[in-house]
Amino acid sequence: GNKIQAGIKKEHLQKLQRNITKGEWRIFDEFSVKKATGMYRPTTHNYRIVFEYSTVISPSEKISESIWLDLVPFNSVLSGTLDQNKLV
């Protein structure tokens, strides 16, 4: 139920992108899990998923109708008090 950052290496994008459609649920097999580091990470999760050439993407039934969007108060953005390691 938590969001996690995911990435596809440029050389694998051509093979994998045809199986990914915005707004549709998918099942992913054969991927790596690595420590999430650096500034402006898109989620607060400590790890990230890296899709490999061997990653298999399969259709899935819709599991939830949730939007999965976490907005922060605009005043928090203006105040500069947010963690700079997280993307807002």
Protein backbone atom coordinates (compact mmCIF):
# COMPACT_ATOMS: atom_id res chain seq x y z
CA GLY A 1 0.00 0.00 0.00
CA ASN A 2 3.00 2.35 -0.04
CA LYS A 3 4.35 4.24 -3.04
CA ILE A 4 7.87 3.41 -4.16
CA GLN A 5 10.14 5.09 -6.69
CA ALA A 6 10.82 3.10 -9.86
CA GLY A 7 13.12 3.59 -12.80
CA ILE A 8 13.90 2.08 -16.17
CA LYS A 9 17.37 2.34 -17.68
CA LYS A 10 17.36 4.09 -21.04
CA GLU A 11 18.58 0.98 -22.85
CA HIS A 12 15.60 -1.04 -21.52
CA LEU A 13 12.93 1.59 -22.15
CA GLN A 14 12.11 0.50 -25.72
CA LYS A 15 11.34 -3.08 -24.63
CA LEU A 16 9.33 -2.22 -21.50
CA GLN A 17 7.36 0.93 -22.39
CA ARG A 18 4.92 -0.85 -24.71
CA ASN A 19 3.63 -2.83 -21.69
CA ILE A 20 3.03 0.19 -19.44
CA THR A 21 -0.06 2.38 -19.80
CA LYS A 22 -0.79 5.33 -17.54
CA GLY A 23 -3.62 4.61 -15.11
CA GLU A 24 -3.62 0.82 -15.61
CA TRP A 25 -2.54 -1.74 -13.02
CA ARG A 26 0.34 -4.10 -13.86
CA ILE A 27 2.26 -6.96 -12.25
CA PHE A 28 6.07 -6.73 -12.37
CA ASP A 29 8.40 -9.72 -12.05
CA GLU A 30 12.22 -9.85 -12.16
CA PHE A 31 13.39 -6.42 -10.97
CA SER A 32 16.02 -5.09 -8.55
CA VAL A 33 15.42 -3.28 -5.26
CA LYS A 34 18.05 -0.70 -4.30
CA LYS A 35 18.53 1.93 -1.61
CA ALA A 36 16.91 5.27 -2.53
CA THR A 37 19.45 8.07 -2.12
CA GLY A 38 20.02 11.63 -3.24
CA MET A 39 18.04 14.83 -3.15
CA TYR A 40 14.47 15.33 -4.42
CA ARG A 41 13.38 11.71 -4.22
CA PRO A 42 9.77 11.32 -5.48
CA THR A 43 8.66 9.17 -2.50
CA THR A 44 9.54 8.84 1.17
CA HIS A 45 10.22 5.11 0.74
CA ASN A 46 13.79 4.09 1.68
CA TYR A 47 14.12 1.84 -1.37
CA ARG A 48 13.47 2.07 -5.11
CA ILE A 49 12.69 -0.45 -7.84
CA VAL A 50 14.93 -0.73 -10.90
CA PHE A 51 13.44 -2.50 -13.92
CA GLU A 52 15.91 -4.69 -15.81
CA TYR A 53 15.90 -6.09 -19.35
CA SER A 54 14.61 -9.37 -17.85
CA THR A 55 11.64 -7.62 -16.15
CA VAL A 56 8.31 -9.18 -17.11
CA ILE A 57 5.21 -6.93 -17.12
CA SER A 58 1.78 -8.58 -17.03
CA PRO A 59 -1.80 -7.20 -16.94
CA SER A 60 -3.57 -7.02 -13.58
CA GLU A 61 -7.08 -6.41 -12.35
CA LYS A 62 -7.68 -3.00 -10.76
CA ILE A 63 -6.91 -3.30 -7.05
CA SER A 64 -7.88 0.18 -5.87
CA GLU A 65 -9.60 3.36 -7.05
CA SER A 66 -7.24 5.56 -4.99
CA ILE A 67 -5.40 8.38 -6.73
CA TRP A 68 -2.17 7.82 -4.72
CA LEU A 69 -1.30 11.49 -4.57
CA ASP A 70 0.21 13.08 -1.44
CA LEU A 71 0.02 16.85 -1.54
CA VAL A 72 1.74 19.01 1.08
CA PRO A 73 0.37 22.34 2.29
CA PHE A 74 1.59 25.19 0.08
CA ASN A 75 2.70 27.17 3.15
CA SER A 76 5.14 24.35 3.96
CA VAL A 77 6.67 24.72 0.50
CA LEU A 78 7.06 28.49 0.87
CA SER A 79 8.52 28.25 4.39
CA GLY A 80 11.43 26.07 3.22
CA THR A 81 10.98 23.67 6.14
CA LEU A 82 10.43 20.56 4.01
CA ASP A 83 13.09 17.85 3.68
CA GLN A 84 15.09 18.66 0.52
CA ASN A 85 15.76 14.98 -0.02
CA LYS A 86 12.09 14.55 -0.98
CA LEU A 87 10.53 15.87 -4.18
CA VAL A 88 7.43 18.03 -3.64
